[in-house]
Amino acid sequence: MPTDFALARRNMVEGQLRPNQIVHPVLLDALAALPRERFLPDARAALAYADEAVPLGEGRYLMEPTALARLVQMTQPGEKDRALVVGAGPGYGAAVLGRLVASVVALECDAALAQRARSVLPALGTANVSVVEGPLAAGHAAKAPYDIILIEGAVPAIPDTLTAQLAEEGRLVAIVGGGVPGYPGQAHLGRKVGGVFSSRPVFDAGTPALPGFAAPARFVF
């Protein structure tokens, strides 16, 4: 029996997102409108609205809907904000954020995922989202500074290269640590104030790791 994606999308919003304190009205509208299944391989489309990371192949995943929504909501997005999505994959998170802000740069290191994003996004009213390719941890300095940086996957630490691309009063959200099943990381909210970046953990979250991020150096006696 074919999946009723419209019904599954409504159930995601009402059964997963609202109970997890997703209350931003424009964010909820975006999540209710965007066809998440379009961003997945056909063989995985039926998993689009499960609250789990969905495999995309080659060790990459589409982030869980609730974790993504909570991260986006934490940034307190505004209609004049400029955003960078790091590890944008096929572009779903960038499309969601694009409904809330002025412009989005979707950075992806995998050429096949970037091409999928370029093929899917234009039909979804996302003219303010541009897809670029490059190393994820390097960010995209050409269009910096950004008011919002969303890292769409788990990383061992937030690199200075990304925090340097934040505007004053800019916000960065990421899941730090984890990336291994059964070992959740923590969702961090960071902000740059007076040129100094600092972050704090907000909630526990487990999502697969992004490639290309180095673990923080450890002091050895």
C-alpha atoms as a PDB file:
ATOM      1  CA  MET A   1       0.000   0.000   0.000  1.00  0.00           C
ATOM      2  CA  PRO A   2       1.538   3.395  -0.963  1.00  0.00           C
ATOM      3  CA  THR A   3       2.556   5.694   1.880  1.00  0.00           C
ATOM      4  CA  ASP A   4       0.236   8.648   2.488  1.00  0.00           C
ATOM      5  CA  PHE A   5       3.013  11.204   2.865  1.00  0.00           C
ATOM      6  CA  ALA A   6       0.673  14.126   3.576  1.00  0.00           C
ATOM      7  CA  LEU A   7      -0.869  12.228   6.495  1.00  0.00           C
ATOM      8  CA  ALA A   8       2.571  11.132   7.720  1.00  0.00           C
ATOM      9  CA  ARG A   9       3.715  14.764   7.622  1.00  0.00           C
ATOM     10  CA  ARG A  10       0.735  15.916   9.703  1.00  0.00           C
ATOM     11  CA  ASN A  11       1.364  13.112  12.180  1.00  0.00           C
ATOM     12  CA  MET A  12       5.014  14.181  12.448  1.00  0.00           C
ATOM     13  CA  VAL A  13       4.001  17.727  13.321  1.00  0.00           C
ATOM     14  CA  GLU A  14       1.217  16.821  15.731  1.00  0.00           C
ATOM     15  CA  GLY A  15       2.667  13.650  17.244  1.00  0.00           C
ATOM     16  CA  GLN A  16       6.406  14.370  17.362  1.00  0.00           C
ATOM     17  CA  LEU A  17       7.124  18.076  17.110  1.00  0.00           C
ATOM     18  CA  ARG A  18       4.412  19.822  19.127  1.00  0.00           C
ATOM     19  CA  PRO A  19       4.821  17.396  22.089  1.00  0.00           C
ATOM     20  CA  ASN A  20       8.546  18.269  22.074  1.00  0.00           C
ATOM     21  CA  GLN A  21       7.876  22.004  22.534  1.00  0.00           C
ATOM     22  CA  ILE A  22       8.288  23.024  18.910  1.00  0.00           C
ATOM     23  CA  VAL A  23       6.125  26.150  19.051  1.00  0.00           C
ATOM     24  CA  HIS A  24       7.594  28.557  16.476  1.00  0.00           C
ATOM     25  CA  PRO A  25       4.618  29.049  14.120  1.00  0.00           C
ATOM     26  CA  VAL A  26       6.560  29.664  10.898  1.00  0.00           C
ATOM     27  CA  LEU A  27       8.848  26.724  11.635  1.00  0.00           C
ATOM     28  CA  LEU A  28       5.839  24.460  12.158  1.00  0.00           C
ATOM     29  CA  ASP A  29       4.338  25.729   8.899  1.00  0.00           C
ATOM     30  CA  ALA A  30       7.585  24.955   7.058  1.00  0.00           C
ATOM     31  CA  LEU A  31       7.797  21.442   8.490  1.00  0.00           C
ATOM     32  CA  ALA A  32       4.140  20.830   7.651  1.00  0.00           C
ATOM     33  CA  ALA A  33       4.602  21.994   4.067  1.00  0.00           C
ATOM     34  CA  LEU A  34       7.945  20.582   2.932  1.00  0.00           C
ATOM     35  CA  PRO A  35       7.881  17.038   1.483  1.00  0.00           C
ATOM     36  CA  ARG A  36      10.702  15.431   3.453  1.00  0.00           C
ATOM     37  CA  GLU A  37      10.374  12.275   1.350  1.00  0.00           C
ATOM     38  CA  ARG A  38      11.600  14.169  -1.725  1.00  0.00           C
ATOM     39  CA  PHE A  39      15.038  14.526  -0.134  1.00  0.00           C
ATOM     40  CA  LEU A  40      15.502  10.774   0.348  1.00  0.00           C
ATOM     41  CA  PRO A  41      16.422   7.906  -1.979  1.00  0.00           C
ATOM     42  CA  ASP A  42      13.250   6.202  -3.230  1.00  0.00           C
ATOM     43  CA  ALA A  43      14.035   3.083  -1.223  1.00  0.00           C
ATOM     44  CA  ARG A  44      14.088   5.133   2.005  1.00  0.00           C
ATOM     45  CA  ALA A  45      11.162   7.472   1.341  1.00  0.00           C
ATOM     46  CA  ALA A  46       8.781   5.474   3.556  1.00  0.00           C
ATOM     47  CA  LEU A  47      11.014   6.363   6.545  1.00  0.00           C
ATOM     48  CA  ALA A  48      10.798  10.099   5.907  1.00  0.00           C
ATOM     49  CA  TYR A  49       8.581  10.944   8.878  1.00  0.00           C
ATOM     50  CA  ALA A  50       9.912   8.497  11.453  1.00  0.00           C
ATOM     51  CA  ASP A  51      11.721  10.302  14.246  1.00  0.00           C
ATOM     52  CA  GLU A  52      15.057   8.762  13.436  1.00  0.00           C
ATOM     53  CA  ALA A  53      18.079   9.485  11.301  1.00  0.00           C
ATOM     54  CA  VAL A  54      17.516   8.059   7.820  1.00  0.00           C
ATOM     55  CA  PRO A  55      20.460   6.568   5.884  1.00  0.00           C
ATOM     56  CA  LEU A  56      21.377   8.373   2.677  1.00  0.00           C
ATOM     57  CA  GLY A  57      24.250   6.064   1.731  1.00  0.00           C
ATOM     58  CA  GLU A  58      28.027   6.437   2.036  1.00  0.00           C
ATOM     59  CA  GLY A  59      27.750   6.850   5.810  1.00  0.00           C
ATOM     60  CA  ARG A  60      25.554   9.936   5.665  1.00  0.00           C
ATOM     61  CA  TYR A  61      22.124  10.455   7.223  1.00  0.00           C
ATOM     62  CA  LEU A  62      19.179  12.823   7.193  1.00  0.00           C
ATOM     63  CA  MET A  63      18.876  14.207  10.724  1.00  0.00           C
ATOM     64  CA  GLU A  64      15.912  13.249  12.907  1.00  0.00           C
ATOM     65  CA  PRO A  65      12.979  15.676  12.488  1.00  0.00           C
ATOM     66  CA  THR A  66      12.655  16.540  16.188  1.00  0.00           C
ATOM     67  CA  ALA A  67      16.371  17.171  16.706  1.00  0.00           C
ATOM     68  CA  LEU A  68      16.508  19.345  13.587  1.00  0.00           C
ATOM     69  CA  ALA A  69      13.414  21.314  14.583  1.00  0.00           C
ATOM     70  CA  ARG A  70      14.717  21.934  18.097  1.00  0.00           C
ATOM     71  CA  LEU A  71      18.067  23.148  16.764  1.00  0.00           C
ATOM     72  CA  VAL A  72      16.414  25.528  14.295  1.00  0.00           C
ATOM     73  CA  GLN A  73      14.026  26.863  16.936  1.00  0.00           C
ATOM     74  CA  MET A  74      16.947  27.507  19.303  1.00  0.00           C
ATOM     75  CA  THR A  75      18.479  29.948  16.819  1.00  0.00           C
ATOM     76  CA  GLN A  76      15.430  32.234  17.109  1.00  0.00           C
ATOM     77  CA  PRO A  77      15.475  32.798  13.327  1.00  0.00           C
ATOM     78  CA  GLY A  78      14.347  36.127  11.928  1.00  0.00           C
ATOM     79  CA  GLU A  79      13.283  37.114   8.436  1.00  0.00           C
ATOM     80  CA  LYS A  80      16.385  39.280   7.896  1.00  0.00           C
ATOM     81  CA  ASP A  81      18.911  36.651   9.033  1.00  0.00           C
ATOM     82  CA  ARG A  82      21.606  35.143   6.816  1.00  0.00           C
ATOM     83  CA  ALA A  83      22.271  31.475   7.535  1.00  0.00           C
ATOM     84  CA  LEU A  84      24.837  28.780   6.822  1.00  0.00           C
ATOM     85  CA  VAL A  85      23.910  25.087   7.013  1.00  0.00           C
ATOM     86  CA  VAL A  86      26.980  22.888   7.426  1.00  0.00           C
ATOM     87  CA  GLY A  87      26.563  19.308   6.254  1.00  0.00           C
ATOM     88  CA  ALA A  88      23.378  20.178   4.394  1.00  0.00           C
ATOM     89  CA  GLY A  89      23.183  16.794   2.651  1.00  0.00           C
ATOM     90  CA  PRO A  90      20.253  16.726   0.204  1.00  0.00           C
ATOM     91  CA  GLY A  91      19.040  20.105   1.477  1.00  0.00           C
ATOM     92  CA  TYR A  92      16.075  19.416   3.762  1.00  0.00           C
ATOM     93  CA  GLY A  93      17.361  21.410   6.753  1.00  0.00           C
ATOM     94  CA  ALA A  94      18.382  24.256   4.453  1.00  0.00           C
ATOM     95  CA  ALA A  95      14.903  24.248   2.896  1.00  0.00           C
ATOM     96  CA  VAL A  96      13.278  24.411   6.334  1.00  0.00           C
ATOM     97  CA  LEU A  97      15.513  27.261   7.454  1.00  0.00           C
ATOM     98  CA  GLY A  98      14.996  29.014   4.127  1.00  0.00           C
ATOM     99  CA  ARG A  99      11.321  29.465   4.997  1.00  0.00           C
ATOM    100  CA  LEU A 100      12.313  31.457   8.098  1.00  0.00           C
ATOM    101  CA  VAL A 101      15.275  33.637   7.072  1.00  0.00           C
ATOM    102  CA  ALA A 102      16.437  35.919   4.256  1.00  0.00           C
ATOM    103  CA  SER A 103      19.096  33.642   2.746  1.00  0.00           C
ATOM    104  CA  VAL A 104      20.740  30.264   3.308  1.00  0.00           C
ATOM    105  CA  VAL A 105      24.058  28.859   2.121  1.00  0.00           C
ATOM    106  CA  ALA A 106      23.843  25.048   2.115  1.00  0.00           C
ATOM    107  CA  LEU A 107      27.390  23.667   2.419  1.00  0.00           C
ATOM    108  CA  GLU A 108      27.994  20.031   1.479  1.00  0.00           C
ATOM    109  CA  CYS A 109      31.186  18.018   0.927  1.00  0.00           C
ATOM    110  CA  ASP A 110      29.586  15.089  -0.920  1.00  0.00           C
ATOM    111  CA  ALA A 111      29.066  15.895  -4.612  1.00  0.00           C
ATOM    112  CA  ALA A 112      26.163  13.455  -5.036  1.00  0.00           C
ATOM    113  CA  LEU A 113      24.265  14.893  -2.065  1.00  0.00           C
ATOM    114  CA  ALA A 114      24.917  18.434  -3.249  1.00  0.00           C
ATOM    115  CA  GLN A 115      23.575  17.516  -6.683  1.00  0.00           C
ATOM    116  CA  ARG A 116      20.443  16.027  -5.130  1.00  0.00           C
ATOM    117  CA  ALA A 117      19.913  19.263  -3.217  1.00  0.00           C
ATOM    118  CA  ARG A 118      20.283  21.266  -6.431  1.00  0.00           C
ATOM    119  CA  SER A 119      17.741  19.035  -8.166  1.00  0.00           C
ATOM    120  CA  VAL A 120      15.137  19.041  -5.380  1.00  0.00           C
ATOM    121  CA  LEU A 121      15.237  22.573  -3.967  1.00  0.00           C
ATOM    122  CA  PRO A 122      14.184  24.699  -6.985  1.00  0.00           C
ATOM    123  CA  ALA A 123      10.719  23.134  -7.147  1.00  0.00           C
ATOM    124  CA  LEU A 124      10.024  23.843  -3.472  1.00  0.00           C
ATOM    125  CA  GLY A 125      10.067  27.629  -3.394  1.00  0.00           C
ATOM    126  CA  THR A 126      13.590  27.891  -2.047  1.00  0.00           C
ATOM    127  CA  ALA A 127      15.107  30.517  -4.330  1.00  0.00           C
ATOM    128  CA  ASN A 128      16.908  32.002  -1.313  1.00  0.00           C
ATOM    129  CA  VAL A 129      18.918  28.776  -0.746  1.00  0.00           C
ATOM    130  CA  SER A 130      22.241  28.352  -2.568  1.00  0.00           C
ATOM    131  CA  VAL A 131      24.164  25.075  -2.560  1.00  0.00           C
ATOM    132  CA  VAL A 132      27.962  25.136  -2.375  1.00  0.00           C
ATOM    133  CA  GLU A 133      30.526  22.349  -2.123  1.00  0.00           C
ATOM    134  CA  GLY A 134      33.592  22.204   0.084  1.00  0.00           C
ATOM    135  CA  PRO A 135      35.074  20.863   3.329  1.00  0.00           C
ATOM    136  CA  LEU A 136      32.455  21.134   6.056  1.00  0.00           C
ATOM    137  CA  ALA A 137      34.731  22.249   8.884  1.00  0.00           C
ATOM    138  CA  ALA A 138      36.008  25.136   6.735  1.00  0.00           C
ATOM    139  CA  GLY A 139      32.559  26.724   6.419  1.00  0.00           C
ATOM    140  CA  HIS A 140      31.995  29.141   3.554  1.00  0.00           C
ATOM    141  CA  ALA A 141      33.854  32.363   4.290  1.00  0.00           C
ATOM    142  CA  ALA A 142      32.962  33.928   0.929  1.00  0.00           C
ATOM    143  CA  LYS A 143      29.466  34.819   2.130  1.00  0.00           C
ATOM    144  CA  ALA A 144      30.241  35.335   5.831  1.00  0.00           C
ATOM    145  CA  PRO A 145      29.374  36.689   8.296  1.00  0.00           C
ATOM    146  CA  TYR A 146      26.247  34.700   9.126  1.00  0.00           C
ATOM    147  CA  ASP A 147      23.596  35.429  11.722  1.00  0.00           C
ATOM    148  CA  ILE A 148      22.874  31.703  12.056  1.00  0.00           C
ATOM    149  CA  ILE A 149      25.058  28.630  11.573  1.00  0.00           C
ATOM    150  CA  LEU A 150      23.368  25.230  11.768  1.00  0.00           C
ATOM    151  CA  ILE A 151      25.615  22.159  11.842  1.00  0.00           C
ATOM    152  CA  GLU A 152      23.368  19.371  10.601  1.00  0.00           C
ATOM    153  CA  GLY A 153      24.979  16.383  12.310  1.00  0.00           C
ATOM    154  CA  ALA A 154      27.153  15.458  15.286  1.00  0.00           C
ATOM    155  CA  VAL A 155      30.683  16.872  15.579  1.00  0.00           C
ATOM    156  CA  PRO A 156      33.385  16.221  18.193  1.00  0.00           C
ATOM    157  CA  ALA A 157      33.870  19.962  18.747  1.00  0.00           C
ATOM    158  CA  ILE A 158      32.853  23.258  17.156  1.00  0.00           C
ATOM    159  CA  PRO A 159      35.817  24.478  15.072  1.00  0.00           C
ATOM    160  CA  ASP A 160      37.092  28.040  15.300  1.00  0.00           C
ATOM    161  CA  THR A 161      36.815  28.314  11.515  1.00  0.00           C
ATOM    162  CA  LEU A 162      33.022  28.263  11.872  1.00  0.00           C
ATOM    163  CA  THR A 163      32.704  30.528  14.892  1.00  0.00           C
ATOM    164  CA  ALA A 164      34.888  33.072  13.051  1.00  0.00           C
ATOM    165  CA  GLN A 165      32.187  33.254  10.363  1.00  0.00           C
ATOM    166  CA  LEU A 166      29.464  34.281  12.820  1.00  0.00           C
ATOM    167  CA  ALA A 167      28.248  37.859  12.842  1.00  0.00           C
ATOM    168  CA  GLU A 168      28.147  39.789  16.115  1.00  0.00           C
ATOM    169  CA  GLU A 169      25.171  38.428  18.079  1.00  0.00           C
ATOM    170  CA  GLY A 170      25.159  35.458  15.682  1.00  0.00           C
ATOM    171  CA  ARG A 171      23.929  32.071  16.861  1.00  0.00           C
ATOM    172  CA  LEU A 172      25.408  28.638  16.167  1.00  0.00           C
ATOM    173  CA  VAL A 173      23.708  25.321  16.950  1.00  0.00           C
ATOM    174  CA  ALA A 174      25.272  21.871  16.794  1.00  0.00           C
ATOM    175  CA  ILE A 175      25.201  18.465  18.403  1.00  0.00           C
ATOM    176  CA  VAL A 176      28.573  18.075  20.082  1.00  0.00           C
ATOM    177  CA  GLY A 177      29.867  14.612  20.911  1.00  0.00           C
ATOM    178  CA  GLY A 178      27.968  11.404  20.303  1.00  0.00           C
ATOM    179  CA  GLY A 179      27.752  10.280  16.709  1.00  0.00           C
ATOM    180  CA  VAL A 180      27.824   6.668  17.933  1.00  0.00           C
ATOM    181  CA  PRO A 181      24.613   4.665  18.553  1.00  0.00           C
ATOM    182  CA  GLY A 182      23.838   4.475  22.256  1.00  0.00           C
ATOM    183  CA  TYR A 183      26.142   7.387  23.132  1.00  0.00           C
ATOM    184  CA  PRO A 184      24.223  10.623  22.753  1.00  0.00           C
ATOM    185  CA  GLY A 185      25.867  13.966  22.430  1.00  0.00           C
ATOM    186  CA  GLN A 186      24.497  17.307  23.561  1.00  0.00           C
ATOM    187  CA  ALA A 187      22.841  19.991  21.503  1.00  0.00           C
ATOM    188  CA  HIS A 188      24.748  23.239  22.037  1.00  0.00           C
ATOM    189  CA  LEU A 189      23.592  26.798  21.510  1.00  0.00           C
ATOM    190  CA  GLY A 190      26.411  29.257  20.973  1.00  0.00           C
ATOM    191  CA  ARG A 191      26.455  33.013  20.510  1.00  0.00           C
ATOM    192  CA  LYS A 192      29.071  35.601  19.623  1.00  0.00           C
ATOM    193  CA  VAL A 193      29.020  38.647  21.890  1.00  0.00           C
ATOM    194  CA  GLY A 194      31.714  41.309  21.829  1.00  0.00           C
ATOM    195  CA  GLY A 195      33.616  39.212  19.318  1.00  0.00           C
ATOM    196  CA  VAL A 196      33.807  36.258  21.719  1.00  0.00           C
ATOM    197  CA  PHE A 197      32.012  32.963  21.055  1.00  0.00           C
ATOM    198  CA  SER A 198      30.684  30.809  23.872  1.00  0.00           C
ATOM    199  CA  SER A 199      28.222  27.925  23.950  1.00  0.00           C
ATOM    200  CA  ARG A 200      26.203  25.904  26.416  1.00  0.00           C
ATOM    201  CA  PRO A 201      24.495  22.497  26.259  1.00  0.00           C
ATOM    202  CA  VAL A 202      20.703  22.606  26.030  1.00  0.00           C
ATOM    203  CA  PHE A 203      19.507  19.018  25.585  1.00  0.00           C
ATOM    204  CA  ASP A 204      20.828  15.505  24.996  1.00  0.00           C
ATOM    205  CA  ALA A 205      20.652  14.335  21.399  1.00  0.00           C
ATOM    206  CA  GLY A 206      21.975  11.432  19.395  1.00  0.00           C
ATOM    207  CA  THR A 207      22.525  11.808  15.679  1.00  0.00           C
ATOM    208  CA  PRO A 208      25.165  10.375  13.330  1.00  0.00           C
ATOM    209  CA  ALA A 209      28.474  12.160  12.945  1.00  0.00           C
ATOM    210  CA  LEU A 210      29.462  14.378  10.038  1.00  0.00           C
ATOM    211  CA  PRO A 211      32.758  13.685   8.234  1.00  0.00           C
ATOM    212  CA  GLY A 212      35.740  15.999   8.262  1.00  0.00           C
ATOM    213  CA  PHE A 213      35.712  17.310  11.827  1.00  0.00           C
ATOM    214  CA  ALA A 214      38.731  16.765  14.059  1.00  0.00           C
ATOM    215  CA  ALA A 215      38.438  15.727  17.680  1.00  0.00           C
ATOM    216  CA  PRO A 216      39.673  18.341  20.164  1.00  0.00           C
ATOM    217  CA  ALA A 217      43.293  18.010  21.232  1.00  0.00           C
ATOM    218  CA  ARG A 218      43.787  16.300  24.588  1.00  0.00           C
ATOM    219  CA  PHE A 219      46.448  17.299  27.082  1.00  0.00           C
ATOM    220  CA  VAL A 220      48.752  14.381  27.862  1.00  0.00           C
ATOM    221  CA  PHE A 221      51.023  14.332  30.889  1.00  0.00           C
END
